[in-house]
Amino acid sequence: MEIKNKELFKQQCFVNGKWINANNNEKIEVNNPATLEIIGSVPKCDADETKNAIESANSAFKDWKIKTAKERSIVLKKWHDLILENIDDLAHIMTVEQGKPLAEAKGEILMGATYIEFFAEEAKRVYGDIIPDPLPDRRIVVIKQPVGVVGAITPWNFPSTMITRKCA
């Protein structure tokens, strides 16, 4: 595979700030659907490893939820910028892994970056609401804040676009 930034092609899981293999070292091969050539592998993690990943994400969330809206916006903007800096390599990886034409893969990567940019800008404008209560002397105050870790399943045909939309 011809990519400039070899660091982008990972064959491990990112858990608790580290790239790891499955505890049992089992892997699932990933092949190019056009040629059937094996291009890499991913760890075949079990239920305990999944639980550990969720617990690690929940632990990291404690720091994330206390960041200001502006700080969260800056993190998202950095992510957006990194995607654009590496768009050609990311599109090439997607083409080899998914079988998409290169132009379509690049378009999807760009759309994913656009979602991140949109939410980075919106993050700075996270406003609450004041809603009239049925009782005339009361108001309901709504605040918007991060609520916790989620699991996300993305479709195979638009992996980059959907994961960036859900994460951002």
N, C-alpha and C. Protein backbone atom coordinates (compact mmCIF):
# COMPACT_ATOMS: atom_id res chain seq x y z
N MET A 1 0.85 -1.17 0.00
CA MET A 1 0.00 0.00 0.00
C MET A 1 0.90 1.24 0.00
N GLU A 2 0.62 2.14 -0.89
CA GLU A 2 1.45 3.34 -1.06
C GLU A 2 0.84 4.53 -0.32
N ILE A 3 1.29 4.76 0.91
CA ILE A 3 0.86 5.95 1.65
C ILE A 3 2.10 6.65 2.20
N LYS A 4 2.00 7.96 2.31
CA LYS A 4 3.13 8.76 2.80
C LYS A 4 3.31 8.62 4.30
N ASN A 5 2.20 8.73 5.03
CA ASN A 5 2.25 8.69 6.50
C ASN A 5 1.88 7.29 6.98
N LYS A 6 2.88 6.45 7.16
CA LYS A 6 2.65 5.05 7.55
C LYS A 6 1.97 4.92 8.92
N GLU A 7 2.06 5.97 9.74
CA GLU A 7 1.43 5.96 11.06
C GLU A 7 -0.10 5.89 10.98
N LEU A 8 -0.66 6.20 9.83
CA LEU A 8 -2.11 6.19 9.68
C LEU A 8 -2.68 4.79 9.55
N PHE A 9 -1.86 3.84 9.11
CA PHE A 9 -2.35 2.48 8.90
C PHE A 9 -2.10 1.67 10.16
N LYS A 10 -3.10 1.61 11.01
CA LYS A 10 -2.98 0.93 12.30
C LYS A 10 -3.61 -0.45 12.22
N GLN A 11 -2.99 -1.39 12.91
CA GLN A 11 -3.52 -2.75 12.97
C GLN A 11 -3.71 -3.17 14.43
N GLN A 12 -4.05 -2.20 15.26
CA GLN A 12 -4.28 -2.44 16.68
C GLN A 12 -5.50 -1.64 17.11
N CYS A 13 -5.94 -1.89 18.34
CA CYS A 13 -7.04 -1.13 18.94
C CYS A 13 -6.46 -0.03 19.83
N PHE A 14 -7.11 1.11 19.83
CA PHE A 14 -6.66 2.22 20.67
C PHE A 14 -7.50 2.22 21.94
N VAL A 15 -6.88 1.82 23.06
CA VAL A 15 -7.59 1.70 24.33
C VAL A 15 -6.74 2.35 25.42
N ASN A 16 -7.36 3.22 26.18
CA ASN A 16 -6.70 3.86 27.32
C ASN A 16 -5.41 4.57 26.91
N GLY A 17 -5.44 5.22 25.75
CA GLY A 17 -4.29 6.00 25.30
C GLY A 17 -3.16 5.20 24.69
N LYS A 18 -3.39 3.89 24.43
CA LYS A 18 -2.33 3.04 23.88
C LYS A 18 -2.87 2.19 22.74
N TRP A 19 -2.00 1.87 21.79
CA TRP A 19 -2.34 0.92 20.73
C TRP A 19 -2.04 -0.48 21.25
N ILE A 20 -3.05 -1.36 21.22
CA ILE A 20 -2.89 -2.69 21.81
C ILE A 20 -3.37 -3.78 20.85
N ASN A 21 -2.89 -5.00 21.10
CA ASN A 21 -3.39 -6.19 20.41
C ASN A 21 -4.41 -6.86 21.32
N ALA A 22 -5.10 -7.84 20.79
CA ALA A 22 -6.01 -8.64 21.62
C ALA A 22 -5.17 -9.43 22.62
N ASN A 23 -5.74 -9.66 23.80
CA ASN A 23 -5.01 -10.42 24.83
C ASN A 23 -4.58 -11.79 24.33
N ASN A 24 -5.42 -12.42 23.50
CA ASN A 24 -5.11 -13.75 22.99
C ASN A 24 -4.30 -13.69 21.68
N ASN A 25 -3.95 -12.49 21.25
CA ASN A 25 -3.20 -12.25 20.01
C ASN A 25 -3.91 -12.73 18.74
N GLU A 26 -5.20 -13.06 18.85
CA GLU A 26 -5.95 -13.44 17.65
C GLU A 26 -6.21 -12.20 16.80
N LYS A 27 -6.27 -12.43 15.49
CA LYS A 27 -6.49 -11.32 14.56
C LYS A 27 -7.53 -11.71 13.51
N ILE A 28 -8.13 -10.70 12.93
CA ILE A 28 -9.04 -10.89 11.80
C ILE A 28 -8.36 -10.25 10.59
N GLU A 29 -8.19 -11.02 9.54
CA GLU A 29 -7.54 -10.50 8.34
C GLU A 29 -8.46 -9.53 7.61
N VAL A 30 -7.87 -8.50 7.05
CA VAL A 30 -8.59 -7.51 6.25
C VAL A 30 -8.06 -7.63 4.83
N ASN A 31 -8.98 -7.82 3.87
CA ASN A 31 -8.52 -7.96 2.49
C ASN A 31 -9.11 -6.89 1.58
N ASN A 32 -8.39 -6.63 0.52
CA ASN A 32 -8.84 -5.71 -0.52
C ASN A 32 -9.93 -6.44 -1.30
N PRO A 33 -11.17 -5.93 -1.31
CA PRO A 33 -12.25 -6.64 -1.98
C PRO A 33 -12.07 -6.73 -3.50
N ALA A 34 -11.27 -5.86 -4.08
CA ALA A 34 -11.05 -5.89 -5.53
C ALA A 34 -10.08 -7.00 -5.93
N THR A 35 -9.06 -7.22 -5.09
CA THR A 35 -8.01 -8.19 -5.45
C THR A 35 -7.98 -9.40 -4.53
N LEU A 36 -8.69 -9.32 -3.42
CA LEU A 36 -8.68 -10.32 -2.35
C LEU A 36 -7.33 -10.43 -1.65
N GLU A 37 -6.42 -9.53 -1.96
CA GLU A 37 -5.11 -9.48 -1.30
C GLU A 37 -5.31 -9.08 0.17
N ILE A 38 -4.63 -9.77 1.08
CA ILE A 38 -4.69 -9.41 2.49
C ILE A 38 -3.84 -8.16 2.68
N ILE A 39 -4.46 -7.10 3.19
CA ILE A 39 -3.75 -5.83 3.36
C ILE A 39 -3.36 -5.57 4.80
N GLY A 40 -3.89 -6.35 5.72
CA GLY A 40 -3.57 -6.16 7.13
C GLY A 40 -4.47 -7.02 7.99
N SER A 41 -4.50 -6.69 9.26
CA SER A 41 -5.35 -7.42 10.20
C SER A 41 -5.73 -6.49 11.35
N VAL A 42 -6.77 -6.90 12.06
CA VAL A 42 -7.21 -6.16 13.24
C VAL A 42 -7.34 -7.14 14.40
N PRO A 43 -7.11 -6.68 15.62
CA PRO A 43 -7.23 -7.57 16.78
C PRO A 43 -8.65 -8.11 16.93
N LYS A 44 -8.74 -9.37 17.30
CA LYS A 44 -10.04 -9.99 17.59
C LYS A 44 -10.22 -9.98 19.10
N CYS A 45 -10.72 -8.85 19.60
CA CYS A 45 -10.87 -8.67 21.05
C CYS A 45 -12.11 -9.40 21.55
N ASP A 46 -12.07 -9.81 22.80
CA ASP A 46 -13.20 -10.53 23.38
C ASP A 46 -14.05 -9.59 24.24
N ALA A 47 -15.05 -10.16 24.89
CA ALA A 47 -16.00 -9.36 25.69
C ALA A 47 -15.30 -8.63 26.84
N ASP A 48 -14.35 -9.29 27.50
CA ASP A 48 -13.64 -8.63 28.61
C ASP A 48 -12.83 -7.43 28.12
N GLU A 49 -12.20 -7.58 26.97
CA GLU A 49 -11.43 -6.47 26.41
C GLU A 49 -12.35 -5.32 25.99
N THR A 50 -13.52 -5.67 25.50
CA THR A 50 -14.51 -4.63 25.15
C THR A 50 -14.96 -3.90 26.40
N LYS A 51 -15.21 -4.65 27.46
CA LYS A 51 -15.61 -4.03 28.73
C LYS A 51 -14.50 -3.10 29.24
N ASN A 52 -13.26 -3.53 29.13
CA ASN A 52 -12.13 -2.71 29.54
C ASN A 52 -12.05 -1.42 28.71
N ALA A 53 -12.30 -1.53 27.42
CA ALA A 53 -12.28 -0.34 26.55
C ALA A 53 -13.37 0.64 26.96
N ILE A 54 -14.54 0.13 27.29
CA ILE A 54 -15.65 0.99 27.73
C ILE A 54 -15.30 1.66 29.05
N GLU A 55 -14.74 0.90 29.98
CA GLU A 55 -14.34 1.47 31.28
C GLU A 55 -13.26 2.54 31.09
N SER A 56 -12.31 2.29 30.20
CA SER A 56 -11.26 3.27 29.92
C SER A 56 -11.84 4.54 29.32
N ALA A 57 -12.79 4.38 28.40
CA ALA A 57 -13.44 5.55 27.80
C ALA A 57 -14.21 6.34 28.85
N ASN A 58 -14.86 5.63 29.74
CA ASN A 58 -15.61 6.30 30.81
C ASN A 58 -14.67 7.06 31.74
N SER A 59 -13.51 6.49 32.00
CA SER A 59 -12.52 7.17 32.84
C SER A 59 -12.01 8.44 32.15
N ALA A 60 -11.74 8.35 30.84
CA ALA A 60 -11.28 9.52 30.08
C ALA A 60 -12.38 10.57 29.99
N PHE A 61 -13.62 10.14 29.99
CA PHE A 61 -14.75 11.06 29.89
C PHE A 61 -14.79 12.04 31.07
N LYS A 62 -14.31 11.60 32.21
CA LYS A 62 -14.32 12.48 33.39
C LYS A 62 -13.55 13.77 33.11
N ASP A 63 -12.45 13.68 32.37
CA ASP A 63 -11.69 14.88 31.99
C ASP A 63 -12.39 15.65 30.87
N TRP A 64 -12.94 14.92 29.91
CA TRP A 64 -13.59 15.55 28.76
C TRP A 64 -14.80 16.39 29.18
N LYS A 65 -15.60 15.88 30.09
CA LYS A 65 -16.84 16.58 30.43
C LYS A 65 -16.61 17.89 31.17
N ILE A 66 -15.43 18.07 31.77
CA ILE A 66 -15.19 19.33 32.47
C ILE A 66 -14.49 20.36 31.58
N LYS A 67 -14.15 19.97 30.35
CA LYS A 67 -13.58 20.95 29.42
C LYS A 67 -14.67 21.95 29.03
N THR A 68 -14.25 23.17 28.78
CA THR A 68 -15.21 24.18 28.34
C THR A 68 -15.62 23.88 26.90
N ALA A 69 -16.70 24.51 26.49
CA ALA A 69 -17.15 24.35 25.10
C ALA A 69 -16.05 24.79 24.13
N LYS A 70 -15.35 25.84 24.46
CA LYS A 70 -14.26 26.32 23.60
C LYS A 70 -13.13 25.30 23.53
N GLU A 71 -12.77 24.70 24.65
CA GLU A 71 -11.70 23.68 24.66
C GLU A 71 -12.09 22.47 23.81
N ARG A 72 -13.35 22.05 23.93
CA ARG A 72 -13.81 20.92 23.11
C ARG A 72 -13.78 21.29 21.63
N SER A 73 -14.14 22.52 21.33
CA SER A 73 -14.10 23.00 19.94
C SER A 73 -12.68 22.95 19.39
N ILE A 74 -11.71 23.33 20.18
CA ILE A 74 -10.31 23.32 19.74
C ILE A 74 -9.85 21.89 19.44
N VAL A 75 -10.23 20.94 20.27
CA VAL A 75 -9.87 19.53 20.03
C VAL A 75 -10.48 19.05 18.72
N LEU A 76 -11.75 19.35 18.50
CA LEU A 76 -12.40 18.93 17.26
C LEU A 76 -11.76 19.59 16.04
N LYS A 77 -11.41 20.85 16.16
CA LYS A 77 -10.78 21.57 15.05
C LYS A 77 -9.42 20.94 14.71
N LYS A 78 -8.66 20.54 15.73
CA LYS A 78 -7.37 19.86 15.49
C LYS A 78 -7.59 18.56 14.73
N TRP A 79 -8.63 17.81 15.13
CA TRP A 79 -8.96 16.55 14.45
C TRP A 79 -9.28 16.85 12.98
N HIS A 80 -10.11 17.84 12.75
CA HIS A 80 -10.47 18.25 11.39
C HIS A 80 -9.22 18.56 10.57
N ASP A 81 -8.33 19.36 11.13
CA ASP A 81 -7.11 19.76 10.42
C ASP A 81 -6.22 18.57 10.10
N LEU A 82 -6.10 17.62 11.03
CA LEU A 82 -5.30 16.42 10.78
C LEU A 82 -5.87 15.58 9.64
N ILE A 83 -7.19 15.49 9.58
CA ILE A 83 -7.81 14.75 8.48
C ILE A 83 -7.47 15.40 7.15
N LEU A 84 -7.61 16.72 7.08
CA LEU A 84 -7.31 17.42 5.82
C LEU A 84 -5.84 17.29 5.44
N GLU A 85 -4.95 17.32 6.43
CA GLU A 85 -3.51 17.16 6.15
C GLU A 85 -3.20 15.78 5.57
N ASN A 86 -4.02 14.79 5.90
CA ASN A 86 -3.75 13.41 5.50
C ASN A 86 -4.81 12.84 4.58
N ILE A 87 -5.58 13.69 3.92
CA ILE A 87 -6.74 13.23 3.15
C ILE A 87 -6.37 12.23 2.06
N ASP A 88 -5.27 12.44 1.37
CA ASP A 88 -4.90 11.52 0.29
C ASP A 88 -4.58 10.13 0.82
N ASP A 89 -3.80 10.06 1.90
CA ASP A 89 -3.48 8.76 2.49
C ASP A 89 -4.73 8.08 3.05
N LEU A 90 -5.57 8.84 3.73
CA LEU A 90 -6.80 8.25 4.29
C LEU A 90 -7.70 7.73 3.19
N ALA A 91 -7.82 8.47 2.10
CA ALA A 91 -8.64 8.02 0.97
C ALA A 91 -8.05 6.75 0.35
N HIS A 92 -6.74 6.69 0.25
CA HIS A 92 -6.10 5.50 -0.31
C HIS A 92 -6.36 4.28 0.59
N ILE A 93 -6.22 4.45 1.89
CA ILE A 93 -6.50 3.35 2.82
C ILE A 93 -7.94 2.89 2.66
N MET A 94 -8.88 3.84 2.60
CA MET A 94 -10.28 3.47 2.46
C MET A 94 -10.53 2.73 1.14
N THR A 95 -9.90 3.17 0.08
CA THR A 95 -10.07 2.52 -1.22
C THR A 95 -9.60 1.07 -1.17
N VAL A 96 -8.44 0.85 -0.59
CA VAL A 96 -7.90 -0.50 -0.51
C VAL A 96 -8.72 -1.38 0.43
N GLU A 97 -9.18 -0.81 1.53
CA GLU A 97 -9.93 -1.57 2.52
C GLU A 97 -11.39 -1.80 2.12
N GLN A 98 -12.02 -0.80 1.52
CA GLN A 98 -13.45 -0.85 1.22
C GLN A 98 -13.77 -1.19 -0.23
N GLY A 99 -12.83 -0.92 -1.13
CA GLY A 99 -13.10 -1.14 -2.54
C GLY A 99 -13.77 0.04 -3.22
N LYS A 100 -13.82 1.19 -2.53
CA LYS A 100 -14.42 2.39 -3.13
C LYS A 100 -13.47 2.98 -4.17
N PRO A 101 -14.03 3.62 -5.20
CA PRO A 101 -13.16 4.39 -6.09
C PRO A 101 -12.46 5.49 -5.29
N LEU A 102 -11.24 5.82 -5.66
CA LEU A 102 -10.45 6.79 -4.91
C LEU A 102 -11.16 8.14 -4.77
N ALA A 103 -11.77 8.62 -5.84
CA ALA A 103 -12.47 9.92 -5.79
C ALA A 103 -13.62 9.88 -4.79
N GLU A 104 -14.35 8.76 -4.75
CA GLU A 104 -15.46 8.63 -3.80
C GLU A 104 -14.94 8.56 -2.37
N ALA A 105 -13.86 7.83 -2.16
CA ALA A 105 -13.27 7.73 -0.82
C ALA A 105 -12.80 9.10 -0.35
N LYS A 106 -12.15 9.84 -1.24
CA LYS A 106 -11.68 11.18 -0.87
C LYS A 106 -12.87 12.09 -0.55
N GLY A 107 -13.94 11.98 -1.31
CA GLY A 107 -15.14 12.76 -1.04
C GLY A 107 -15.74 12.42 0.31
N GLU A 108 -15.74 11.13 0.65
CA GLU A 108 -16.27 10.73 1.96
C GLU A 108 -15.41 11.24 3.10
N ILE A 109 -14.10 11.15 2.94
CA ILE A 109 -13.19 11.66 3.98
C ILE A 109 -13.43 13.16 4.16
N LEU A 110 -13.56 13.89 3.06
CA LEU A 110 -13.81 15.33 3.13
C LEU A 110 -15.15 15.62 3.81
N MET A 111 -16.17 14.84 3.50
CA MET A 111 -17.48 15.03 4.15
C MET A 111 -17.36 14.77 5.66
N GLY A 112 -16.62 13.74 6.04
CA GLY A 112 -16.41 13.47 7.46
C GLY A 112 -15.72 14.63 8.15
N ALA A 113 -14.71 15.19 7.49
CA ALA A 113 -14.01 16.35 8.05
C ALA A 113 -14.96 17.54 8.18
N THR A 114 -15.87 17.67 7.23
CA THR A 114 -16.85 18.76 7.26
C THR A 114 -17.78 18.61 8.46
N TYR A 115 -18.19 17.39 8.77
CA TYR A 115 -19.01 17.16 9.98
C TYR A 115 -18.25 17.61 11.23
N ILE A 116 -16.99 17.24 11.31
CA ILE A 116 -16.19 17.61 12.49
C ILE A 116 -16.06 19.12 12.58
N GLU A 117 -15.80 19.77 11.45
CA GLU A 117 -15.68 21.23 11.44
C GLU A 117 -16.99 21.88 11.88
N PHE A 118 -18.11 21.36 11.39
CA PHE A 118 -19.41 21.91 11.77
C PHE A 118 -19.61 21.83 13.28
N PHE A 119 -19.37 20.64 13.84
CA PHE A 119 -19.58 20.47 15.28
C PHE A 119 -18.54 21.22 16.11
N ALA A 120 -17.33 21.41 15.57
CA ALA A 120 -16.33 22.23 16.26
C ALA A 120 -16.83 23.66 16.39
N GLU A 121 -17.44 24.16 15.34
CA GLU A 121 -17.98 25.53 15.38
C GLU A 121 -19.21 25.60 16.28
N GLU A 122 -20.07 24.61 16.18
CA GLU A 122 -21.28 24.59 17.02
C GLU A 122 -20.94 24.42 18.50
N ALA A 123 -19.85 23.72 18.79
CA ALA A 123 -19.47 23.49 20.19
C ALA A 123 -19.26 24.80 20.93
N LYS A 124 -18.84 25.83 20.21
CA LYS A 124 -18.63 27.14 20.84
C LYS A 124 -19.95 27.83 21.18
N ARG A 125 -21.01 27.35 20.58
CA ARG A 125 -22.32 27.99 20.77
C ARG A 125 -23.32 27.05 21.44
N VAL A 126 -22.87 26.31 22.41
CA VAL A 126 -23.77 25.41 23.13
C VAL A 126 -24.52 26.24 24.16
N TYR A 127 -25.74 26.55 23.84
CA TYR A 127 -26.56 27.37 24.72
C TYR A 127 -27.63 26.50 25.38
N GLY A 128 -28.06 26.92 26.53
CA GLY A 128 -29.18 26.27 27.18
C GLY A 128 -30.48 26.93 26.76
N ASP A 129 -31.54 26.54 27.40
CA ASP A 129 -32.86 27.10 27.11
C ASP A 129 -33.58 27.42 28.41
N ILE A 130 -34.47 28.38 28.33
CA ILE A 130 -35.40 28.66 29.42
C ILE A 130 -36.79 28.43 28.85
N ILE A 131 -37.48 27.49 29.45
CA ILE A 131 -38.79 27.07 28.94
C ILE A 131 -39.87 27.49 29.93
N PRO A 132 -40.96 28.06 29.44
CA PRO A 132 -42.05 28.40 30.36
C PRO A 132 -42.60 27.14 31.03
N ASP A 133 -42.86 27.23 32.29
CA ASP A 133 -43.46 26.15 33.06
C ASP A 133 -44.98 26.30 33.00
N PRO A 134 -45.72 25.23 33.18
CA PRO A 134 -47.18 25.38 33.24
C PRO A 134 -47.63 26.32 34.38
N LEU A 135 -46.83 26.40 35.43
CA LEU A 135 -47.15 27.34 36.51
C LEU A 135 -46.55 28.70 36.15
N PRO A 136 -47.31 29.77 36.28
CA PRO A 136 -46.87 31.08 35.78
C PRO A 136 -45.65 31.67 36.49
N ASP A 137 -45.35 31.25 37.71
CA ASP A 137 -44.23 31.85 38.44
C ASP A 137 -42.95 31.01 38.37
N ARG A 138 -42.90 30.06 37.42
CA ARG A 138 -41.73 29.17 37.33
C ARG A 138 -41.22 29.10 35.90
N ARG A 139 -39.94 28.75 35.79
CA ARG A 139 -39.31 28.52 34.49
C ARG A 139 -38.47 27.24 34.60
N ILE A 140 -38.36 26.57 33.49
CA ILE A 140 -37.53 25.36 33.42
C ILE A 140 -36.23 25.74 32.72
N VAL A 141 -35.11 25.47 33.38
CA VAL A 141 -33.80 25.79 32.82
C VAL A 141 -33.18 24.50 32.26
N VAL A 142 -32.78 24.55 31.00
CA VAL A 142 -32.17 23.40 30.33
C VAL A 142 -30.71 23.74 30.06
N ILE A 143 -29.80 22.87 30.53
CA ILE A 143 -28.38 23.05 30.22
C ILE A 143 -27.95 21.89 29.33
N LYS A 144 -27.01 22.17 28.44
CA LYS A 144 -26.49 21.14 27.54
C LYS A 144 -25.07 20.82 27.97
N GLN A 145 -24.81 19.53 28.16
CA GLN A 145 -23.50 19.10 28.63
C GLN A 145 -23.24 17.68 28.17
N PRO A 146 -21.98 17.27 28.09
CA PRO A 146 -21.69 15.88 27.73
C PRO A 146 -22.31 14.94 28.77
N VAL A 147 -22.87 13.84 28.30
CA VAL A 147 -23.56 12.94 29.23
C VAL A 147 -22.88 11.60 29.43
N GLY A 148 -22.01 11.18 28.53
CA GLY A 148 -21.33 9.91 28.78
C GLY A 148 -20.85 9.22 27.52
N VAL A 149 -20.28 8.05 27.74
CA VAL A 149 -19.72 7.22 26.68
C VAL A 149 -20.86 6.53 25.94
N VAL A 150 -20.71 6.42 24.63
CA VAL A 150 -21.71 5.70 23.83
C VAL A 150 -21.00 4.66 22.97
N GLY A 151 -21.75 3.68 22.56
CA GLY A 151 -21.28 2.72 21.57
C GLY A 151 -21.86 3.12 20.23
N ALA A 152 -21.09 3.03 19.18
CA ALA A 152 -21.57 3.43 17.86
C ALA A 152 -21.29 2.33 16.84
N ILE A 153 -22.31 1.96 16.12
CA ILE A 153 -22.16 1.01 15.03
C ILE A 153 -22.32 1.81 13.74
N THR A 154 -21.37 1.67 12.85
CA THR A 154 -21.43 2.44 11.61
C THR A 154 -21.61 1.50 10.42
N PRO A 155 -22.24 1.98 9.36
CA PRO A 155 -22.44 1.14 8.18
C PRO A 155 -21.12 0.92 7.44
N TRP A 156 -20.99 -0.22 6.82
CA TRP A 156 -19.75 -0.54 6.11
C TRP A 156 -19.55 0.34 4.88
N ASN A 157 -20.64 0.85 4.30
CA ASN A 157 -20.51 1.57 3.03
C ASN A 157 -20.12 3.05 3.19
N PHE A 158 -20.27 3.61 4.39
CA PHE A 158 -19.84 4.99 4.64
C PHE A 158 -19.15 5.07 6.01
N PRO A 159 -18.06 4.36 6.20
CA PRO A 159 -17.46 4.28 7.53
C PRO A 159 -16.92 5.61 8.06
N SER A 160 -16.23 6.36 7.23
CA SER A 160 -15.62 7.60 7.70
C SER A 160 -16.68 8.66 7.99
N THR A 161 -17.61 8.82 7.08
CA THR A 161 -18.63 9.85 7.26
C THR A 161 -19.45 9.60 8.52
N MET A 162 -19.86 8.37 8.72
CA MET A 162 -20.75 8.10 9.86
C MET A 162 -20.01 8.15 11.19
N ILE A 163 -18.78 7.65 11.25
CA ILE A 163 -18.08 7.68 12.54
C ILE A 163 -17.73 9.11 12.93
N THR A 164 -17.34 9.94 11.96
CA THR A 164 -17.02 11.32 12.31
C THR A 164 -18.27 12.07 12.75
N ARG A 165 -19.38 11.79 12.11
CA ARG A 165 -20.64 12.45 12.49
C ARG A 165 -21.05 12.05 13.90
N LYS A 166 -20.92 10.77 14.21
CA LYS A 166 -21.33 10.30 15.53
C LYS A 166 -20.36 10.75 16.62
N CYS A 167 -19.07 10.73 16.33
CA CYS A 167 -18.08 11.12 17.34
C CYS A 167 -18.08 12.61 17.61
N ALA A 168 -18.16 13.40 16.56
CA ALA A 168 -18.08 14.85 16.73
C ALA A 168 -19.33 15.36 17.43
